[in-house]
């Protein structure tokens, strides 16, 4: 359908803008998949100070300040939802700006970096303490010993983005808002839903007839195809985007909407696709799917 190409590009741009508008509270160095930042996995509640209020978050109970005024975040997956709801971030671990929406980068540049922020120079509890936080958010995958040591003096909340917590970004951002005592969530969700509705209405005719697949390669041998039950796919689906059959159905749902396969089988995910999206960062850095390693450009 050559004549419909400009319209398809409009749909693509609109859908991607919708993703950026909500910030995808689960973003990490890779905006499509969470992963450990080092050390063993950390799960469950962390011992905290005896004062404050108790909150439930992602199946764990935490005691947090009545209203935190100095927040330190460790890992992109914890920084994003805190920024989404206007949390008082005084420091964060080193973040690749290419993974941040352009509209958010000026604010992130102004946030002090915990420790030296260099590869091979791990963050210590003393680095965190330098910023005198009254609350710390740590992304899943933060080294367990660091979480434990920091948690002796400051409440630490773990932000999980794997398994059952991968897809439900709204609950994740909502939980962070409750922990911080923020009232920003209703406005954030209203903006997101309004934008999704506008995309549906404006591009209804095109959305009805095109089918989409989102692909990502983690190495030169394997790919992941994302469907409507994945974290990213759910946002596209809210905007009316329809996916190819190979990323839908019971098997895809059981896998959280992310179908992993050999790169040699990529053709099965291209069948029936009118639009193929290759996952990238906000600087246009691609991945092993293109045959080149990702090297984000300086924003």
Protein backbone atom coordinates (compact mmCIF):
# COMPACT_ATOMS: atom_id res chain seq x y z
CA UNK A 1 0.00 0.00 0.00
CA UNK A 2 2.49 2.67 -1.12
CA UNK A 3 -0.09 5.43 -0.93
CA UNK A 4 -0.58 4.89 2.80
CA UNK A 5 3.09 5.18 3.80
CA UNK A 6 2.98 8.79 5.08
CA UNK A 7 -0.05 7.93 7.21
CA UNK A 8 1.77 4.94 8.69
CA UNK A 9 4.70 7.13 9.62
CA UNK A 10 2.32 9.48 11.39
CA UNK A 11 0.97 6.57 13.40
CA UNK A 12 4.48 5.49 14.32
CA UNK A 13 5.51 8.97 15.44
CA UNK A 14 2.32 9.41 17.44
CA UNK A 15 2.65 6.04 19.15
CA UNK A 16 6.26 6.66 20.09
CA UNK A 17 5.38 10.08 21.48
CA UNK A 18 2.71 8.43 23.59
CA UNK A 19 5.33 6.13 25.08
CA UNK A 20 7.58 9.05 25.93
CA UNK A 21 4.73 11.01 27.48
CA UNK A 22 4.32 8.56 30.33
CA UNK A 23 8.04 8.06 30.85
CA UNK A 24 7.71 4.26 31.12
CA UNK A 25 8.54 4.14 34.81
CA UNK A 26 10.38 0.87 34.21
CA UNK A 27 13.01 2.21 31.82
CA UNK A 28 16.53 0.99 32.33
CA UNK A 29 19.63 1.35 30.20
CA UNK A 30 17.49 -0.53 27.71
CA UNK A 31 14.02 1.01 27.47
CA UNK A 32 12.40 -2.30 26.49
CA UNK A 33 13.73 -4.76 29.02
CA UNK A 34 14.79 -4.72 32.65
CA UNK A 35 17.92 -6.41 33.90
CA UNK A 36 20.33 -6.50 36.82
CA UNK A 37 22.71 -3.62 37.26
CA UNK A 38 25.15 -5.85 39.10
CA UNK A 39 25.23 -8.27 41.99
CA UNK A 40 22.53 -10.67 43.02
CA UNK A 41 18.81 -10.08 42.68
CA UNK A 42 17.16 -8.21 45.54
CA UNK A 43 13.61 -8.96 46.55
CA UNK A 44 11.31 -8.39 49.50
CA UNK A 45 11.23 -5.76 52.22
CA UNK A 46 14.39 -4.16 53.57
CA UNK A 47 14.89 -3.33 57.28
CA UNK A 48 14.26 0.37 57.83
CA UNK A 49 14.03 2.89 60.62
CA UNK A 50 11.29 2.44 63.21
CA UNK A 51 9.60 5.78 62.58
CA UNK A 52 7.31 6.74 59.71
CA UNK A 53 4.36 5.04 58.05
CA UNK A 54 3.93 1.58 56.58
CA UNK A 55 3.16 1.12 52.89
CA UNK A 56 2.63 -1.95 50.70
CA UNK A 57 4.52 -1.97 47.43
CA UNK A 58 4.96 -4.86 45.00
CA UNK A 59 4.19 -7.47 47.62
CA UNK A 60 6.49 -6.09 50.32
CA UNK A 61 5.89 -3.82 53.33
CA UNK A 62 8.09 -0.79 53.92
CA UNK A 63 8.27 1.85 56.62
CA UNK A 64 8.90 5.21 54.98
CA UNK A 65 8.97 8.87 56.09
CA UNK A 66 5.59 10.63 56.39
CA UNK A 67 6.76 12.76 53.47
CA UNK A 68 10.24 12.27 52.04
CA UNK A 69 12.15 15.47 51.25
CA UNK A 70 15.49 14.06 50.07
CA UNK A 71 15.35 11.04 47.75
CA UNK A 72 18.29 9.16 46.25
CA UNK A 73 17.63 6.72 43.40
CA UNK A 74 19.84 3.80 42.37
CA UNK A 75 19.15 2.62 38.83
CA UNK A 76 17.12 4.03 35.95
CA UNK A 77 14.13 1.84 36.82
CA UNK A 78 13.83 3.65 40.14
CA UNK A 79 14.62 7.15 38.88
CA UNK A 80 11.98 7.22 36.15
CA UNK A 81 8.85 6.59 38.29
CA UNK A 82 10.08 8.99 40.98
CA UNK A 83 10.49 11.72 38.36
CA UNK A 84 7.10 10.80 36.87
CA UNK A 85 5.37 11.85 40.09
CA UNK A 86 7.61 14.81 40.91
CA UNK A 87 9.67 13.22 43.68
CA UNK A 88 12.38 15.31 45.40
CA UNK A 89 15.44 13.59 43.89
CA UNK A 90 18.68 14.97 45.33
CA UNK A 91 21.02 12.40 43.72
CA UNK A 92 20.96 9.40 41.41
CA UNK A 93 23.29 6.72 40.13
CA UNK A 94 24.88 7.46 36.77
CA UNK A 95 22.25 7.41 33.98
CA UNK A 96 22.80 7.24 30.22
CA UNK A 97 20.99 10.31 28.88
CA UNK A 98 20.26 8.47 25.63
CA UNK A 99 17.72 6.38 27.56
CA UNK A 100 15.85 9.49 28.70
CA UNK A 101 13.14 11.30 26.72
CA UNK A 102 14.61 14.57 25.42
CA UNK A 103 12.14 16.63 27.46
CA UNK A 104 13.48 15.09 30.67
CA UNK A 105 17.21 15.42 30.02
CA UNK A 106 17.70 19.03 31.23
CA UNK A 107 16.31 18.11 34.66
CA UNK A 108 18.33 14.89 34.85
CA UNK A 109 21.55 16.74 33.97
CA UNK A 110 21.06 18.88 37.07
CA UNK A 111 20.79 15.90 39.45
CA UNK A 112 24.08 15.10 41.25
CA UNK A 113 25.53 11.65 40.55
CA UNK A 114 26.07 9.24 43.42
CA UNK A 115 29.73 8.28 43.65
CA UNK A 116 32.05 8.86 40.74
CA UNK A 117 29.65 7.28 38.28
CA UNK A 118 32.40 5.38 36.48
CA UNK A 119 32.29 1.79 35.29
CA UNK A 120 34.28 -0.47 37.59
CA UNK A 121 33.91 1.96 40.51
CA UNK A 122 30.86 0.61 42.38
CA UNK A 123 28.64 2.79 44.52
CA UNK A 124 29.10 2.42 48.27
CA UNK A 125 26.84 3.18 51.21
CA UNK A 126 29.13 6.12 52.03
CA UNK A 127 28.52 7.53 48.53
CA UNK A 128 24.77 7.43 49.18
CA UNK A 129 25.11 8.92 52.68
CA UNK A 130 26.96 11.95 51.26
CA UNK A 131 23.60 13.19 49.95
CA UNK A 132 21.83 12.80 53.33
CA UNK A 133 18.70 11.10 51.95
CA UNK A 134 15.65 10.34 54.04
CA UNK A 135 14.50 7.73 51.47
CA UNK A 136 16.26 5.61 48.84
CA UNK A 137 14.70 3.84 45.85
CA UNK A 138 16.82 0.99 44.47
CA UNK A 139 16.12 -0.75 41.17
CA UNK A 140 15.88 -4.51 41.09
CA UNK A 141 19.38 -5.85 40.51
CA UNK A 142 21.08 -3.34 42.81
CA UNK A 143 23.75 -5.33 44.71
CA UNK A 144 22.22 -6.90 47.80
CA UNK A 145 25.05 -5.90 50.12
CA UNK A 146 24.68 -2.24 49.09
CA UNK A 147 20.91 -2.33 49.72
CA UNK A 148 21.43 -3.96 53.12
CA UNK A 149 24.12 -1.53 54.24
CA UNK A 150 22.24 1.58 53.11
CA UNK A 151 19.07 0.20 54.71
CA UNK A 152 20.65 0.19 58.16
CA UNK A 153 20.32 3.97 58.31
CA UNK A 154 17.82 4.98 55.62
CA UNK A 155 14.57 3.37 54.39
CA UNK A 156 15.22 1.59 51.08
CA UNK A 157 12.39 0.67 48.68
CA UNK A 158 13.09 -1.86 45.94
CA UNK A 159 11.55 -1.20 42.52
CA UNK A 160 10.99 -4.47 40.67
CA UNK A 161 10.46 -4.66 36.91
CA UNK A 162 10.65 -8.38 36.17
CA UNK A 163 8.15 -11.23 36.24
CA UNK A 164 4.67 -10.17 37.29
CA UNK A 165 5.87 -6.59 37.81
CA UNK A 166 7.27 -6.09 34.29
CA UNK A 167 4.11 -5.09 32.44
CA UNK A 168 2.12 -3.14 35.03
CA UNK A 169 3.91 0.20 34.93
CA UNK A 170 0.80 2.04 36.14
CA UNK A 171 0.80 0.16 39.44
CA UNK A 172 4.53 0.72 39.78
CA UNK A 173 4.23 4.47 39.30
CA UNK A 174 1.13 4.53 41.51
CA UNK A 175 2.97 2.73 44.30
CA UNK A 176 5.86 5.18 44.12
CA UNK A 177 3.38 8.07 44.29
CA UNK A 178 1.82 6.59 47.44
CA UNK A 179 5.23 6.12 49.04
CA UNK A 180 6.13 9.75 48.33
CA UNK A 181 2.72 11.12 49.26
CA UNK A 182 2.44 12.61 45.76
CA UNK A 183 -0.88 13.62 44.22
CA UNK A 184 0.55 13.73 40.67
CA UNK A 185 -0.69 10.30 39.55
CA UNK A 186 -4.28 11.18 38.53
CA UNK A 187 -3.05 13.97 36.28
CA UNK A 188 -0.34 11.78 34.78
CA UNK A 189 -2.77 8.98 33.95
CA UNK A 190 -5.36 11.41 32.59
CA UNK A 191 -2.73 12.87 30.26
CA UNK A 192 -1.68 9.40 29.12
CA UNK A 193 -5.23 8.21 28.47
CA UNK A 194 -6.13 11.43 26.70
CA UNK A 195 -3.15 11.12 24.39
CA UNK A 196 -3.93 7.47 23.66
CA UNK A 197 -7.53 8.38 22.84
CA UNK A 198 -6.42 11.15 20.48
CA UNK A 199 -4.16 8.72 18.61
CA UNK A 200 -7.01 6.20 18.29
CA UNK A 201 -9.39 8.81 16.92
CA UNK A 202 -7.00 10.64 14.62
CA UNK A 203 -5.54 7.49 13.02
CA UNK A 204 -8.51 5.12 13.29
CA UNK A 205 -8.57 4.20 9.60
CA UNK A 206 -4.87 3.38 9.44
CA UNK A 207 -4.83 1.57 12.78
CA UNK A 208 -7.63 -0.65 11.56
CA UNK A 209 -5.72 -1.95 8.55
CA UNK A 210 -2.05 -2.10 9.58
CA UNK A 211 -0.30 -4.68 11.76
CA UNK A 212 2.83 -4.02 13.79
CA UNK A 213 5.70 -5.99 15.33
CA UNK A 214 8.41 -4.63 17.64
CA UNK A 215 11.75 -6.45 17.50
CA UNK A 216 14.84 -6.35 19.66
CA UNK A 217 18.05 -8.39 19.43
CA UNK A 218 20.01 -9.10 22.61
CA UNK A 219 22.93 -10.66 20.78
CA UNK A 220 23.73 -11.75 17.23
CA UNK A 221 21.88 -15.04 17.61
CA UNK A 222 18.56 -14.30 19.33
CA UNK A 223 15.68 -11.84 19.06
CA UNK A 224 12.68 -10.82 21.13
CA UNK A 225 9.38 -9.94 19.48
CA UNK A 226 6.99 -7.81 21.54
CA UNK A 227 3.22 -8.14 21.46
CA UNK A 228 0.25 -6.39 23.10
CA UNK A 229 0.82 -8.16 26.43
CA UNK A 230 4.34 -6.78 26.86
CA UNK A 231 5.09 -3.57 28.76
CA UNK A 232 5.77 -1.58 25.60
CA UNK A 233 3.07 -3.37 23.59
CA UNK A 234 0.39 -2.59 26.16
CA UNK A 235 1.01 1.12 25.66
CA UNK A 236 0.78 0.79 21.89
CA UNK A 237 -2.36 -1.31 22.27
CA UNK A 238 -3.96 1.41 24.42
CA UNK A 239 -3.40 3.75 21.47
CA UNK A 240 -5.13 1.33 19.11
CA UNK A 241 -2.08 -0.32 17.52
CA UNK A 242 -2.68 -3.90 16.30
CA UNK A 243 -0.01 -6.60 16.29
CA UNK A 244 0.88 -9.52 14.04
CA UNK A 245 -0.63 -12.89 15.11
CA UNK A 246 2.73 -14.47 16.01
CA UNK A 247 3.10 -12.22 19.10
CA UNK A 248 -0.41 -12.87 20.39
CA UNK A 249 -2.20 -15.84 21.92
CA UNK A 250 -1.76 -17.95 25.06
CA UNK A 251 1.94 -18.70 24.57
CA UNK A 252 2.79 -15.02 24.14
CA UNK A 253 0.69 -14.03 27.16
CA UNK A 254 2.39 -16.68 29.29
CA UNK A 255 5.74 -15.14 28.32
CA UNK A 256 4.59 -11.68 29.35
CA UNK A 257 4.09 -10.67 25.73
CA UNK A 258 7.79 -11.07 24.93
CA UNK A 259 8.50 -13.93 22.52
CA UNK A 260 12.16 -14.98 22.51
CA UNK A 261 13.43 -16.88 19.50
CA UNK A 262 16.47 -17.53 17.34
CA UNK A 263 17.36 -14.65 15.05
CA UNK A 264 17.26 -17.14 12.15
CA UNK A 265 13.49 -17.39 12.68
CA UNK A 266 12.84 -13.67 12.36
CA UNK A 267 10.79 -14.16 9.18
CA UNK A 268 7.90 -15.69 11.13
CA UNK A 269 7.46 -12.41 13.01
CA UNK A 270 7.63 -10.36 9.83
CA UNK A 271 4.73 -12.23 8.24
CA UNK A 272 1.74 -9.93 7.98
CA UNK A 273 3.66 -6.94 9.39
CA UNK A 274 2.95 -3.59 7.75
CA UNK A 275 5.22 -1.76 10.21
CA UNK A 276 8.37 -3.23 11.79
CA UNK A 277 9.72 -1.30 14.77
CA UNK A 278 13.32 -1.86 15.88
CA UNK A 279 13.85 -1.02 19.52
CA UNK A 280 16.30 1.80 20.11
CA UNK A 281 17.23 4.39 22.66
CA UNK A 282 16.18 8.02 22.32
CA UNK A 283 19.42 8.85 20.50
CA UNK A 284 18.65 6.34 17.75
CA UNK A 285 21.17 3.76 18.95
CA UNK A 286 20.17 0.34 17.62
CA UNK A 287 21.34 -3.11 18.62
CA UNK A 288 22.55 -6.50 17.43
CA UNK A 289 19.54 -6.83 15.12
CA UNK A 290 21.22 -4.37 12.75
CA UNK A 291 24.54 -6.17 12.96
CA UNK A 292 26.20 -3.41 15.00
CA UNK A 293 26.61 -2.84 18.69
CA UNK A 294 24.68 0.05 20.20
CA UNK A 295 26.79 3.17 20.67
CA UNK A 296 24.48 5.95 21.89
CA UNK A 297 25.37 9.36 20.52
CA UNK A 298 26.02 12.22 22.90
CA UNK A 299 22.66 14.00 23.43
